[in-house]
PDB file of N, CA and C in Angstrom:
ATOM      1  N   MET A   1      17.803 -39.021  29.787  1.00  0.00           N
ATOM      2  CA  MET A   1      18.964 -38.431  30.427  1.00  0.00           C
ATOM      3  C   MET A   1      20.233 -39.062  29.876  1.00  0.00           C
ATOM      4  N   PRO A   2      21.241 -38.251  29.680  1.00  0.00           N
ATOM      5  CA  PRO A   2      22.497 -38.823  29.176  1.00  0.00           C
ATOM      6  C   PRO A   2      23.244 -39.587  30.262  1.00  0.00           C
ATOM      7  N   GLU A   3      23.841 -40.676  29.878  1.00  0.00           N
ATOM      8  CA  GLU A   3      24.641 -41.453  30.825  1.00  0.00           C
ATOM      9  C   GLU A   3      26.033 -40.835  30.927  1.00  0.00           C
ATOM     10  N   PHE A   4      26.739 -41.149  32.018  1.00  0.00           N
ATOM     11  CA  PHE A   4      28.076 -40.588  32.207  1.00  0.00           C
ATOM     12  C   PHE A   4      28.918 -41.533  33.041  1.00  0.00           C
ATOM     13  N   PHE A   5      30.223 -41.371  32.943  1.00  0.00           N
ATOM     14  CA  PHE A   5      31.180 -42.166  33.703  1.00  0.00           C
ATOM     15  C   PHE A   5      31.804 -41.312  34.795  1.00  0.00           C
ATOM     16  N   HIS A   6      32.041 -41.936  35.936  1.00  0.00           N
ATOM     17  CA  HIS A   6      32.794 -41.307  37.024  1.00  0.00           C
ATOM     18  C   HIS A   6      33.480 -42.425  37.799  1.00  0.00           C
ATOM     19  N   ASP A   7      34.774 -42.268  38.047  1.00  0.00           N
ATOM     20  CA  ASP A   7      35.556 -43.291  38.746  1.00  0.00           C
ATOM     21  C   ASP A   7      35.366 -44.676  38.130  1.00  0.00           C
ATOM     22  N   LYS A   8      35.426 -44.722  36.815  1.00  0.00           N
ATOM     23  CA  LYS A   8      35.333 -45.974  36.055  1.00  0.00           C
ATOM     24  C   LYS A   8      33.994 -46.684  36.227  1.00  0.00           C
ATOM     25  N   ARG A   9      32.957 -45.936  36.559  1.00  0.00           N
ATOM     26  CA  ARG A   9      31.624 -46.522  36.721  1.00  0.00           C
ATOM     27  C   ARG A   9      30.640 -45.753  35.862  1.00  0.00           C
ATOM     28  N   LEU A  10      29.728 -46.472  35.224  1.00  0.00           N
ATOM     29  CA  LEU A  10      28.701 -45.870  34.385  1.00  0.00           C
ATOM     30  C   LEU A  10      27.477 -45.522  35.227  1.00  0.00           C
ATOM     31  N   TYR A  11      27.008 -44.301  35.096  1.00  0.00           N
ATOM     32  CA  TYR A  11      25.792 -43.849  35.771  1.00  0.00           C
ATOM     33  C   TYR A  11      24.772 -43.454  34.714  1.00  0.00           C
ATOM     34  N   TYR A  12      23.515 -43.743  35.001  1.00  0.00           N
ATOM     35  CA  TYR A  12      22.448 -43.431  34.062  1.00  0.00           C
ATOM     36  C   TYR A  12      21.673 -42.182  34.449  1.00  0.00           C
ATOM     37  N   THR A  13      21.652 -41.868  35.747  1.00  0.00           N
ATOM     38  CA  THR A  13      20.901 -40.692  36.210  1.00  0.00           C
ATOM     39  C   THR A  13      21.623 -40.026  37.375  1.00  0.00           C
ATOM     40  N   PRO A  14      21.339 -38.753  37.622  1.00  0.00           N
ATOM     41  CA  PRO A  14      21.873 -38.088  38.803  1.00  0.00           C
ATOM     42  C   PRO A  14      21.383 -38.734  40.106  1.00  0.00           C
ATOM     43  N   ILE A  15      20.204 -39.325  40.074  1.00  0.00           N
ATOM     44  CA  ILE A  15      19.669 -40.011  41.260  1.00  0.00           C
ATOM     45  C   ILE A  15      20.582 -41.174  41.626  1.00  0.00           C
ATOM     46  N   GLU A  16      20.940 -41.960  40.635  1.00  0.00           N
ATOM     47  CA  GLU A  16      21.831 -43.101  40.855  1.00  0.00           C
ATOM     48  C   GLU A  16      23.177 -42.625  41.409  1.00  0.00           C
ATOM     49  N   PHE A  17      23.686 -41.511  40.884  1.00  0.00           N
ATOM     50  CA  PHE A  17      24.955 -40.958  41.353  1.00  0.00           C
ATOM     51  C   PHE A  17      24.855 -40.524  42.813  1.00  0.00           C
ATOM     52  N   ALA A  18      23.757 -39.832  43.166  1.00  0.00           N
ATOM     53  CA  ALA A  18      23.552 -39.386  44.551  1.00  0.00           C
ATOM     54  C   ALA A  18      23.436 -40.571  45.493  1.00  0.00           C
ATOM     55  N   LEU A  19      22.697 -41.593  45.080  1.00  0.00           N
ATOM     56  CA  LEU A  19      22.542 -42.773  45.933  1.00  0.00           C
ATOM     57  C   LEU A  19      23.860 -43.529  46.081  1.00  0.00           C
ATOM     58  N   GLY A  20      24.743 -43.386  45.130  1.00  0.00           N
ATOM     59  CA  GLY A  20      26.074 -43.961  45.270  1.00  0.00           C
ATOM     60  C   GLY A  20      26.847 -43.312  46.408  1.00  0.00           C
ATOM     61  N   HIS A  21      26.488 -42.094  46.732  1.00  0.00           N
ATOM     62  CA  HIS A  21      27.129 -41.368  47.822  1.00  0.00           C
ATOM     63  C   HIS A  21      26.466 -41.633  49.168  1.00  0.00           C
ATOM     64  N   ILE A  22      25.124 -41.629  49.203  1.00  0.00           N
ATOM     65  CA  ILE A  22      24.431 -41.722  50.497  1.00  0.00           C
ATOM     66  C   ILE A  22      23.503 -42.927  50.611  1.00  0.00           C
ATOM     67  N   GLY A  23      23.422 -43.746  49.565  1.00  0.00           N
ATOM     68  CA  GLY A  23      22.507 -44.879  49.577  1.00  0.00           C
ATOM     69  C   GLY A  23      23.030 -46.049  50.392  1.00  0.00           C
ATOM     70  N   GLY A  24      22.182 -47.034  50.561  1.00  0.00           N
ATOM     71  CA  GLY A  24      22.540 -48.216  51.334  1.00  0.00           C
ATOM     72  C   GLY A  24      21.912 -48.159  52.718  1.00  0.00           C
ATOM     73  N   THR A  25      22.134 -49.186  53.467  1.00  0.00           N
ATOM     74  CA  THR A  25      21.509 -49.315  54.781  1.00  0.00           C
ATOM     75  C   THR A  25      22.099 -48.372  55.811  1.00  0.00           C
ATOM     76  N   TRP A  26      23.393 -48.104  55.762  1.00  0.00           N
ATOM     77  CA  TRP A  26      24.061 -47.451  56.888  1.00  0.00           C
ATOM     78  C   TRP A  26      24.541 -46.027  56.666  1.00  0.00           C
ATOM     79  N   LYS A  27      24.740 -45.598  55.437  1.00  0.00           N
ATOM     80  CA  LYS A  27      25.328 -44.276  55.216  1.00  0.00           C
ATOM     81  C   LYS A  27      24.448 -43.148  55.746  1.00  0.00           C
ATOM     82  N   MET A  28      23.169 -43.179  55.435  1.00  0.00           N
ATOM     83  CA  MET A  28      22.293 -42.106  55.906  1.00  0.00           C
ATOM     84  C   MET A  28      22.182 -42.077  57.431  1.00  0.00           C
ATOM     85  N   PRO A  29      22.024 -43.224  58.108  1.00  0.00           N
ATOM     86  CA  PRO A  29      22.019 -43.171  59.576  1.00  0.00           C
ATOM     87  C   PRO A  29      23.309 -42.609  60.168  1.00  0.00           C
ATOM     88  N   ILE A  30      24.444 -42.912  59.556  1.00  0.00           N
ATOM     89  CA  ILE A  30      25.713 -42.374  60.044  1.00  0.00           C
ATOM     90  C   ILE A  30      25.735 -40.861  59.865  1.00  0.00           C
ATOM     91  N   LEU A  31      25.401 -40.397  58.667  1.00  0.00           N
ATOM     92  CA  LEU A  31      25.390 -38.957  58.404  1.00  0.00           C
ATOM     93  C   LEU A  31      24.411 -38.237  59.332  1.00  0.00           C
ATOM     94  N   TRP A  32      23.245 -38.834  59.533  1.00  0.00           N
ATOM     95  CA  TRP A  32      22.218 -38.230  60.383  1.00  0.00           C
ATOM     96  C   TRP A  32      22.747 -38.019  61.804  1.00  0.00           C
ATOM     97  N   ARG A  33      23.448 -39.006  62.325  1.00  0.00           N
ATOM     98  CA  ARG A  33      23.961 -38.914  63.698  1.00  0.00           C
ATOM     99  C   ARG A  33      25.112 -37.915  63.840  1.00  0.00           C
ATOM    100  N   LEU A  34      25.778 -37.617  62.758  1.00  0.00           N
ATOM    101  CA  LEU A  34      26.896 -36.675  62.818  1.00  0.00           C
ATOM    102  C   LEU A  34      26.471 -35.218  62.618  1.00  0.00           C
ATOM    103  N   GLN A  35      25.194 -34.982  62.400  1.00  0.00           N
ATOM    104  CA  GLN A  35      24.768 -33.613  62.095  1.00  0.00           C
ATOM    105  C   GLN A  35      24.883 -32.662  63.285  1.00  0.00           C
ATOM    106  N   GLU A  36      24.778 -33.172  64.507  1.00  0.00           N
ATOM    107  CA  GLU A  36      24.811 -32.304  65.683  1.00  0.00           C
ATOM    108  C   GLU A  36      26.215 -32.040  66.198  1.00  0.00           C
ATOM    109  N   LYS A  37      27.057 -33.088  66.168  1.00  0.00           N
ATOM    110  CA  LYS A  37      28.405 -32.941  66.722  1.00  0.00           C
ATOM    111  C   LYS A  37      29.291 -34.068  66.218  1.00  0.00           C
ATOM    112  N   PRO A  38      30.607 -33.871  66.305  1.00  0.00           N
ATOM    113  CA  PRO A  38      31.519 -34.956  65.932  1.00  0.00           C
ATOM    114  C   PRO A  38      31.355 -36.130  66.900  1.00  0.00           C
ATOM    115  N   LEU A  39      31.530 -37.323  66.384  1.00  0.00           N
ATOM    116  CA  LEU A  39      31.407 -38.528  67.207  1.00  0.00           C
ATOM    117  C   LEU A  39      32.593 -39.444  66.971  1.00  0.00           C
ATOM    118  N   ARG A  40      32.905 -40.211  68.003  1.00  0.00           N
ATOM    119  CA  ARG A  40      33.941 -41.228  67.903  1.00  0.00           C
ATOM    120  C   ARG A  40      33.313 -42.524  67.385  1.00  0.00           C
ATOM    121  N   PHE A  41      34.166 -43.434  66.930  1.00  0.00           N
ATOM    122  CA  PHE A  41      33.712 -44.719  66.408  1.00  0.00           C
ATOM    123  C   PHE A  41      32.792 -45.410  67.414  1.00  0.00           C
ATOM    124  N   SER A  42      33.218 -45.475  68.674  1.00  0.00           N
ATOM    125  CA  SER A  42      32.439 -46.190  69.700  1.00  0.00           C
ATOM    126  C   SER A  42      31.081 -45.537  69.935  1.00  0.00           C
ATOM    127  N   GLU A  43      31.007 -44.219  69.798  1.00  0.00           N
ATOM    128  CA  GLU A  43      29.724 -43.523  69.977  1.00  0.00           C
ATOM    129  C   GLU A  43      28.776 -43.841  68.826  1.00  0.00           C
ATOM    130  N   LEU A  44      29.309 -43.884  67.610  1.00  0.00           N
ATOM    131  CA  LEU A  44      28.488 -44.265  66.462  1.00  0.00           C
ATOM    132  C   LEU A  44      28.014 -45.704  66.606  1.00  0.00           C
ATOM    133  N   LYS A  45      28.922 -46.584  66.996  1.00  0.00           N
ATOM    134  CA  LYS A  45      28.599 -48.009  67.158  1.00  0.00           C
ATOM    135  C   LYS A  45      27.497 -48.192  68.194  1.00  0.00           C
ATOM    136  N   LYS A  46      27.586 -47.459  69.288  1.00  0.00           N
ATOM    137  CA  LYS A  46      26.584 -47.551  70.352  1.00  0.00           C
ATOM    138  C   LYS A  46      25.222 -47.039  69.874  1.00  0.00           C
ATOM    139  N   ASP A  47      25.241 -45.989  69.053  1.00  0.00           N
ATOM    140  CA  ASP A  47      23.999 -45.371  68.580  1.00  0.00           C
ATOM    141  C   ASP A  47      23.371 -46.115  67.401  1.00  0.00           C
ATOM    142  N   ILE A  48      24.153 -46.970  66.739  1.00  0.00           N
ATOM    143  CA  ILE A  48      23.649 -47.785  65.619  1.00  0.00           C
ATOM    144  C   ILE A  48      23.932 -49.241  65.984  1.00  0.00           C
ATOM    145  N   PRO A  49      23.155 -49.820  66.875  1.00  0.00           N
ATOM    146  CA  PRO A  49      23.508 -51.106  67.479  1.00  0.00           C
ATOM    147  C   PRO A  49      23.584 -52.306  66.534  1.00  0.00           C
ATOM    148  N   HIS A  50      22.925 -52.292  65.403  1.00  0.00           N
ATOM    149  CA  HIS A  50      22.915 -53.476  64.541  1.00  0.00           C
ATOM    150  C   HIS A  50      24.034 -53.490  63.511  1.00  0.00           C
ATOM    151  N   ILE A  51      24.837 -52.439  63.467  1.00  0.00           N
ATOM    152  CA  ILE A  51      25.932 -52.388  62.507  1.00  0.00           C
ATOM    153  C   ILE A  51      27.159 -53.094  63.104  1.00  0.00           C
ATOM    154  N   THR A  52      27.851 -53.849  62.273  1.00  0.00           N
ATOM    155  CA  THR A  52      29.059 -54.528  62.748  1.00  0.00           C
ATOM    156  C   THR A  52      30.237 -53.550  62.707  1.00  0.00           C
ATOM    157  N   ASP A  53      31.272 -53.868  63.445  1.00  0.00           N
ATOM    158  CA  ASP A  53      32.477 -53.033  63.431  1.00  0.00           C
ATOM    159  C   ASP A  53      33.046 -52.925  62.011  1.00  0.00           C
ATOM    160  N   LYS A  54      33.085 -54.063  61.334  1.00  0.00           N
ATOM    161  CA  LYS A  54      33.629 -54.096  59.979  1.00  0.00           C
ATOM    162  C   LYS A  54      32.822 -53.217  59.029  1.00  0.00           C
ATOM    163  N   MET A  55      31.496 -53.287  59.128  1.00  0.00           N
ATOM    164  CA  MET A  55      30.635 -52.496  58.251  1.00  0.00           C
ATOM    165  C   MET A  55      30.742 -51.008  58.587  1.00  0.00           C
ATOM    166  N   LEU A  56      30.771 -50.672  59.870  1.00  0.00           N
ATOM    167  CA  LEU A  56      30.904 -49.270  60.260  1.00  0.00           C
ATOM    168  C   LEU A  56      32.227 -48.711  59.740  1.00  0.00           C
ATOM    169  N   THR A  57      33.294 -49.471  59.890  1.00  0.00           N
ATOM    170  CA  THR A  57      34.604 -49.041  59.385  1.00  0.00           C
ATOM    171  C   THR A  57      34.549 -48.801  57.882  1.00  0.00           C
ATOM    172  N   SER A  58      33.968 -49.742  57.153  1.00  0.00           N
ATOM    173  CA  SER A  58      33.917 -49.624  55.693  1.00  0.00           C
ATOM    174  C   SER A  58      33.047 -48.443  55.258  1.00  0.00           C
ATOM    175  N   GLN A  59      31.933 -48.230  55.931  1.00  0.00           N
ATOM    176  CA  GLN A  59      31.050 -47.123  55.570  1.00  0.00           C
ATOM    177  C   GLN A  59      31.681 -45.771  55.905  1.00  0.00           C
ATOM    178  N   LEU A  60      32.374 -45.695  57.038  1.00  0.00           N
ATOM    179  CA  LEU A  60      33.069 -44.461  57.386  1.00  0.00           C
ATOM    180  C   LEU A  60      34.155 -44.143  56.360  1.00  0.00           C
ATOM    181  N   ARG A  61      34.879 -45.153  55.935  1.00  0.00           N
ATOM    182  CA  ARG A  61      35.925 -44.947  54.921  1.00  0.00           C
ATOM    183  C   ARG A  61      35.319 -44.476  53.603  1.00  0.00           C
ATOM    184  N   GLU A  62      34.202 -45.083  53.231  1.00  0.00           N
ATOM    185  CA  GLU A  62      33.559 -44.697  51.974  1.00  0.00           C
ATOM    186  C   GLU A  62      33.027 -43.264  52.042  1.00  0.00           C
ATOM    187  N   LEU A  63      32.388 -42.916  53.154  1.00  0.00           N
ATOM    188  CA  LEU A  63      31.875 -41.550  53.324  1.00  0.00           C
ATOM    189  C   LEU A  63      33.028 -40.545  53.328  1.00  0.00           C
ATOM    190  N   GLU A  64      34.141 -40.928  53.917  1.00  0.00           N
ATOM    191  CA  GLU A  64      35.309 -40.050  53.921  1.00  0.00           C
ATOM    192  C   GLU A  64      35.873 -39.903  52.506  1.00  0.00           C
ATOM    193  N   SER A  65      35.914 -40.986  51.752  1.00  0.00           N
ATOM    194  CA  SER A  65      36.447 -40.925  50.386  1.00  0.00           C
ATOM    195  C   SER A  65      35.569 -40.068  49.478  1.00  0.00           C
ATOM    196  N   LYS A  66      34.291 -39.973  49.790  1.00  0.00           N
ATOM    197  CA  LYS A  66      33.359 -39.138  49.015  1.00  0.00           C
ATOM    198  C   LYS A  66      33.299 -37.708  49.557  1.00  0.00           C
ATOM    199  N   ASP A  67      34.123 -37.412  50.563  1.00  0.00           N
ATOM    200  CA  ASP A  67      34.203 -36.088  51.185  1.00  0.00           C
ATOM    201  C   ASP A  67      32.894 -35.671  51.864  1.00  0.00           C
ATOM    202  N   LEU A  68      32.148 -36.645  52.380  1.00  0.00           N
ATOM    203  CA  LEU A  68      30.926 -36.342  53.127  1.00  0.00           C
ATOM    204  C   LEU A  68      31.211 -36.217  54.619  1.00  0.00           C
ATOM    205  N   ILE A  69      32.277 -36.874  55.072  1.00  0.00           N
ATOM    206  CA  ILE A  69      32.713 -36.743  56.460  1.00  0.00           C
ATOM    207  C   ILE A  69      34.225 -36.540  56.478  1.00  0.00           C
ATOM    208  N   SER A  70      34.702 -36.017  57.601  1.00  0.00           N
ATOM    209  CA  SER A  70      36.145 -35.928  57.794  1.00  0.00           C
ATOM    210  C   SER A  70      36.511 -36.711  59.043  1.00  0.00           C
ATOM    211  N   ARG A  71      37.726 -37.162  59.063  1.00  0.00           N
ATOM    212  CA  ARG A  71      38.244 -37.967  60.169  1.00  0.00           C
ATOM    213  C   ARG A  71      39.419 -37.212  60.760  1.00  0.00           C
ATOM    214  N   GLU A  72      39.335 -36.948  62.068  1.00  0.00           N
ATOM    215  CA  GLU A  72      40.423 -36.243  62.736  1.00  0.00           C
ATOM    216  C   GLU A  72      41.042 -37.150  63.795  1.00  0.00           C
ATOM    217  N   VAL A  73      42.336 -37.336  63.684  1.00  0.00           N
ATOM    218  CA  VAL A  73      43.082 -38.159  64.640  1.00  0.00           C
ATOM    219  C   VAL A  73      43.814 -37.217  65.585  1.00  0.00           C
ATOM    220  N   PHE A  74      43.607 -37.417  66.889  1.00  0.00           N
ATOM    221  CA  PHE A  74      44.261 -36.598  67.899  1.00  0.00           C
ATOM    222  C   PHE A  74      45.504 -37.327  68.406  1.00  0.00           C
ATOM    223  N   PRO A  75      46.616 -36.613  68.553  1.00  0.00           N
ATOM    224  CA  PRO A  75      47.875 -37.251  68.972  1.00  0.00           C
ATOM    225  C   PRO A  75      47.932 -37.504  70.477  1.00  0.00           C
ATOM    226  N   VAL A  76      47.110 -38.430  70.940  1.00  0.00           N
ATOM    227  CA  VAL A  76      47.078 -38.799  72.355  1.00  0.00           C
ATOM    228  C   VAL A  76      47.171 -40.313  72.470  1.00  0.00           C
ATOM    229  N   VAL A  77      47.453 -40.778  73.671  1.00  0.00           N
ATOM    230  CA  VAL A  77      47.484 -42.217  73.937  1.00  0.00           C
ATOM    231  C   VAL A  77      46.422 -42.506  74.986  1.00  0.00           C
ATOM    232  N   PRO A  78      45.475 -43.397  74.721  1.00  0.00           N
ATOM    233  CA  PRO A  78      45.259 -44.111  73.469  1.00  0.00           C
ATOM    234  C   PRO A  78      44.764 -43.154  72.367  1.00  0.00           C
ATOM    235  N   PRO A  79      44.913 -43.565  71.108  1.00  0.00           N
ATOM    236  CA  PRO A  79      44.506 -42.693  70.001  1.00  0.00           C
ATOM    237  C   PRO A  79      43.029 -42.312  70.086  1.00  0.00           C
ATOM    238  N   LYS A  80      42.761 -41.080  69.748  1.00  0.00           N
ATOM    239  CA  LYS A  80      41.388 -40.583  69.719  1.00  0.00           C
ATOM    240  C   LYS A  80      41.098 -40.141  68.290  1.00  0.00           C
ATOM    241  N   VAL A  81      39.985 -40.642  67.739  1.00  0.00           N
ATOM    242  CA  VAL A  81      39.581 -40.305  66.376  1.00  0.00           C
ATOM    243  C   VAL A  81      38.144 -39.821  66.423  1.00  0.00           C
ATOM    244  N   GLU A  82      37.880 -38.701  65.767  1.00  0.00           N
ATOM    245  CA  GLU A  82      36.513 -38.175  65.673  1.00  0.00           C
ATOM    246  C   GLU A  82      36.125 -38.036  64.209  1.00  0.00           C
ATOM    247  N   TYR A  83      34.829 -38.258  63.966  1.00  0.00           N
ATOM    248  CA  TYR A  83      34.263 -38.104  62.634  1.00  0.00           C
ATOM    249  C   TYR A  83      33.275 -36.949  62.683  1.00  0.00           C
ATOM    250  N   ARG A  84      33.296 -36.128  61.630  1.00  0.00           N
ATOM    251  CA  ARG A  84      32.363 -35.002  61.569  1.00  0.00           C
ATOM    252  C   ARG A  84      31.914 -34.808  60.120  1.00  0.00           C
ATOM    253  N   LEU A  85      30.767 -34.173  59.976  1.00  0.00           N
ATOM    254  CA  LEU A  85      30.268 -33.860  58.638  1.00  0.00           C
ATOM    255  C   LEU A  85      31.121 -32.779  57.997  1.00  0.00           C
ATOM    256  N   THR A  86      31.324 -32.890  56.712  1.00  0.00           N
ATOM    257  CA  THR A  86      31.926 -31.818  55.934  1.00  0.00           C
ATOM    258  C   THR A  86      30.778 -30.941  55.419  1.00  0.00           C
ATOM    259  N   GLU A  87      31.121 -29.872  54.752  1.00  0.00           N
ATOM    260  CA  GLU A  87      30.074 -29.021  54.159  1.00  0.00           C
ATOM    261  C   GLU A  87      29.262 -29.827  53.141  1.00  0.00           C
ATOM    262  N   LYS A  88      29.937 -30.655  52.369  1.00  0.00           N
ATOM    263  CA  LYS A  88      29.253 -31.523  51.398  1.00  0.00           C
ATOM    264  C   LYS A  88      28.302 -32.478  52.116  1.00  0.00           C
ATOM    265  N   GLY A  89      28.738 -33.010  53.255  1.00  0.00           N
ATOM    266  CA  GLY A  89      27.890 -33.903  54.042  1.00  0.00           C
ATOM    267  C   GLY A  89      26.674 -33.182  54.609  1.00  0.00           C
ATOM    268  N   ARG A  90      26.847 -31.929  55.018  1.00  0.00           N
ATOM    269  CA  ARG A  90      25.723 -31.137  55.546  1.00  0.00           C
ATOM    270  C   ARG A  90      24.632 -30.943  54.501  1.00  0.00           C
ATOM    271  N   LYS A  91      25.040 -30.852  53.245  1.00  0.00           N
ATOM    272  CA  LYS A  91      24.065 -30.683  52.162  1.00  0.00           C
ATOM    273  C   LYS A  91      23.179 -31.909  51.997  1.00  0.00           C
ATOM    274  N   ALA A  92      23.623 -33.062  52.474  1.00  0.00           N
ATOM    275  CA  ALA A  92      22.836 -34.295  52.364  1.00  0.00           C
ATOM    276  C   ALA A  92      21.746 -34.383  53.432  1.00  0.00           C
ATOM    277  N   ILE A  93      21.872 -33.641  54.521  1.00  0.00           N
ATOM    278  CA  ILE A  93      20.931 -33.762  55.642  1.00  0.00           C
ATOM    279  C   ILE A  93      19.485 -33.452  55.241  1.00  0.00           C
ATOM    280  N   PRO A  94      19.192 -32.371  54.508  1.00  0.00           N
ATOM    281  CA  PRO A  94      17.796 -32.143  54.099  1.00  0.00           C
ATOM    282  C   PRO A  94      17.235 -33.263  53.221  1.00  0.00           C
ATOM    283  N   VAL A  95      18.081 -33.861  52.397  1.00  0.00           N
ATOM    284  CA  VAL A  95      17.656 -34.980  51.549  1.00  0.00           C
ATOM    285  C   VAL A  95      17.297 -36.175  52.431  1.00  0.00           C
ATOM    286  N   ILE A  96      18.146 -36.461  53.397  1.00  0.00           N
ATOM    287  CA  ILE A  96      17.904 -37.570  54.317  1.00  0.00           C
ATOM    288  C   ILE A  96      16.628 -37.323  55.120  1.00  0.00           C
ATOM    289  N   GLU A  97      16.430 -36.097  55.561  1.00  0.00           N
ATOM    290  CA  GLU A  97      15.221 -35.758  56.321  1.00  0.00           C
ATOM    291  C   GLU A  97      13.964 -35.971  55.486  1.00  0.00           C
ATOM    292  N   THR A  98      14.007 -35.596  54.222  1.00  0.00           N
ATOM    293  CA  THR A  98      12.864 -35.808  53.327  1.00  0.00           C
ATOM    294  C   THR A  98      12.586 -37.294  53.150  1.00  0.00           C
ATOM    295  N   ILE A  99      13.623 -38.090  52.951  1.00  0.00           N
ATOM    296  CA  ILE A  99      13.456 -39.538  52.798  1.00  0.00           C
ATOM    297  C   ILE A  99      12.893 -40.138  54.082  1.00  0.00           C
ATOM    298  N   MET A 100      13.379 -39.657  55.235  1.00  0.00           N
ATOM    299  CA  MET A 100      12.889 -40.169  56.516  1.00  0.00           C
ATOM    300  C   MET A 100      11.400 -39.844  56.695  1.00  0.00           C
ATOM    301  N   LYS A 101      10.993 -38.626  56.380  1.00  0.00           N
ATOM    302  CA  LYS A 101       9.577 -38.248  56.492  1.00  0.00           C
ATOM    303  C   LYS A 101       8.719 -39.100  55.564  1.00  0.00           C
ATOM    304  N   TYR A 102       9.195 -39.330  54.367  1.00  0.00           N
ATOM    305  CA  TYR A 102       8.469 -40.182  53.433  1.00  0.00           C
ATOM    306  C   TYR A 102       8.347 -41.604  53.982  1.00  0.00           C
ATOM    307  N   GLY A 103       9.417 -42.099  54.584  1.00  0.00           N
ATOM    308  CA  GLY A 103       9.378 -43.427  55.205  1.00  0.00           C
ATOM    309  C   GLY A 103       8.344 -43.501  56.319  1.00  0.00           C
ATOM    310  N   TYR A 104       8.286 -42.453  57.165  1.00  0.00           N
ATOM    311  CA  TYR A 104       7.270 -42.411  58.227  1.00  0.00           C
ATOM    312  C   TYR A 104       5.865 -42.443  57.638  1.00  0.00           C
ATOM    313  N   GLU A 105       5.637 -41.697  56.554  1.00  0.00           N
ATOM    314  CA  GLU A 105       4.323 -41.701  55.899  1.00  0.00           C
ATOM    315  C   GLU A 105       3.978 -43.089  55.379  1.00  0.00           C
ATOM    316  N   LEU A 106       4.935 -43.752  54.754  1.00  0.00           N
ATOM    317  CA  LEU A 106       4.691 -45.104  54.235  1.00  0.00           C
ATOM    318  C   LEU A 106       4.389 -46.086  55.363  1.00  0.00           C
ATOM    319  N   ILE A 107       5.107 -45.968  56.476  1.00  0.00           N
ATOM    320  CA  ILE A 107       4.865 -46.823  57.636  1.00  0.00           C
ATOM    321  C   ILE A 107       3.447 -46.616  58.149  1.00  0.00           C
ATOM    322  N   LYS A 108       3.048 -45.363  58.270  1.00  0.00           N
ATOM    323  CA  LYS A 108       1.703 -45.035  58.765  1.00  0.00           C
ATOM    324  C   LYS A 108       0.628 -45.576  57.813  1.00  0.00           C
ATOM    325  N   GLU A 109       0.825 -45.362  56.514  1.00  0.00           N
ATOM    326  CA  GLU A 109      -0.140 -45.846  55.513  1.00  0.00           C
ATOM    327  C   GLU A 109      -0.261 -47.366  55.534  1.00  0.00           C
ATOM    328  N   ALA A 110       0.822 -48.046  55.870  1.00  0.00           N
ATOM    329  CA  ALA A 110       0.814 -49.509  55.916  1.00  0.00           C
ATOM    330  C   ALA A 110       0.196 -50.034  57.210  1.00  0.00           C
ATOM    331  N   GLY A 111      -0.142 -49.124  58.125  1.00  0.00           N
ATOM    332  CA  GLY A 111      -0.751 -49.533  59.387  1.00  0.00           C
ATOM    333  C   GLY A 111       0.230 -50.143  60.367  1.00  0.00           C
ATOM    334  N   ILE A 112       1.492 -49.814  60.211  1.00  0.00           N
ATOM    335  CA  ILE A 112       2.529 -50.359  61.083  1.00  0.00           C
ATOM    336  C   ILE A 112       2.660 -49.473  62.310  1.00  0.00           C
ATOM    337  N   GLU A 113       2.684 -50.092  63.472  1.00  0.00           N
ATOM    338  CA  GLU A 113       2.892 -49.349  64.701  1.00  0.00           C
ATOM    339  C   GLU A 113       4.364 -49.005  64.826  1.00  0.00           C
ATOM    340  N   TYR A 114       4.654 -47.696  64.799  1.00  0.00           N
ATOM    341  CA  TYR A 114       6.043 -47.271  64.854  1.00  0.00           C
ATOM    342  C   TYR A 114       6.179 -46.040  65.712  1.00  0.00           C
ATOM    343  N   PRO A 115       7.071 -46.038  66.663  1.00  0.00           N
ATOM    344  CA  PRO A 115       7.917 -47.167  67.023  1.00  0.00           C
ATOM    345  C   PRO A 115       7.091 -48.267  67.691  1.00  0.00           C
ATOM    346  N   PRO A 116       7.491 -49.518  67.528  1.00  0.00           N
ATOM    347  CA  PRO A 116       6.721 -50.621  68.115  1.00  0.00           C
ATOM    348  C   PRO A 116       6.784 -50.584  69.644  1.00  0.00           C
ATOM    349  N   LYS A 117       5.692 -51.006  70.253  1.00  0.00           N
ATOM    350  CA  LYS A 117       5.664 -51.099  71.716  1.00  0.00           C
ATOM    351  C   LYS A 117       6.392 -52.366  72.147  1.00  0.00           C
ATOM    352  N   ASP A 118       7.078 -52.287  73.241  1.00  0.00           N
ATOM    353  CA  ASP A 118       7.780 -53.480  73.762  1.00  0.00           C
ATOM    354  C   ASP A 118       6.773 -54.552  74.110  1.00  0.00           C
ATOM    355  N   ILE A 119       7.114 -55.780  73.805  1.00  0.00           N
ATOM    356  CA  ILE A 119       6.211 -56.911  74.087  1.00  0.00           C
ATOM    357  C   ILE A 119       6.510 -57.480  75.444  1.00  0.00           C
TER     358      ILE A 119
END
């Protein structure tokens, strides 16, 4: 496959380019949670309990810069901000679903109890 540059970065494959958009620990969970309805920062934080405020902020900014989500600020006091999927972000949902199903298969094959029972 031919290599290519985008935003001053060298990519070797389309897979690498796609993962630059949705890869990492938090981007796919954020996109997944936004598929049903727009959510506020606090709602995302509550639904993804292990993510820090700083990381959630940075991931939301990155997803917005890649046009996968949009951020709407409402002119009220206190400020209200909602995040929603863009059309480009919606196209990522089937990919995320496939990766999630594959992950479930790998968990099952490894003999891991999932979800784990409370101890």
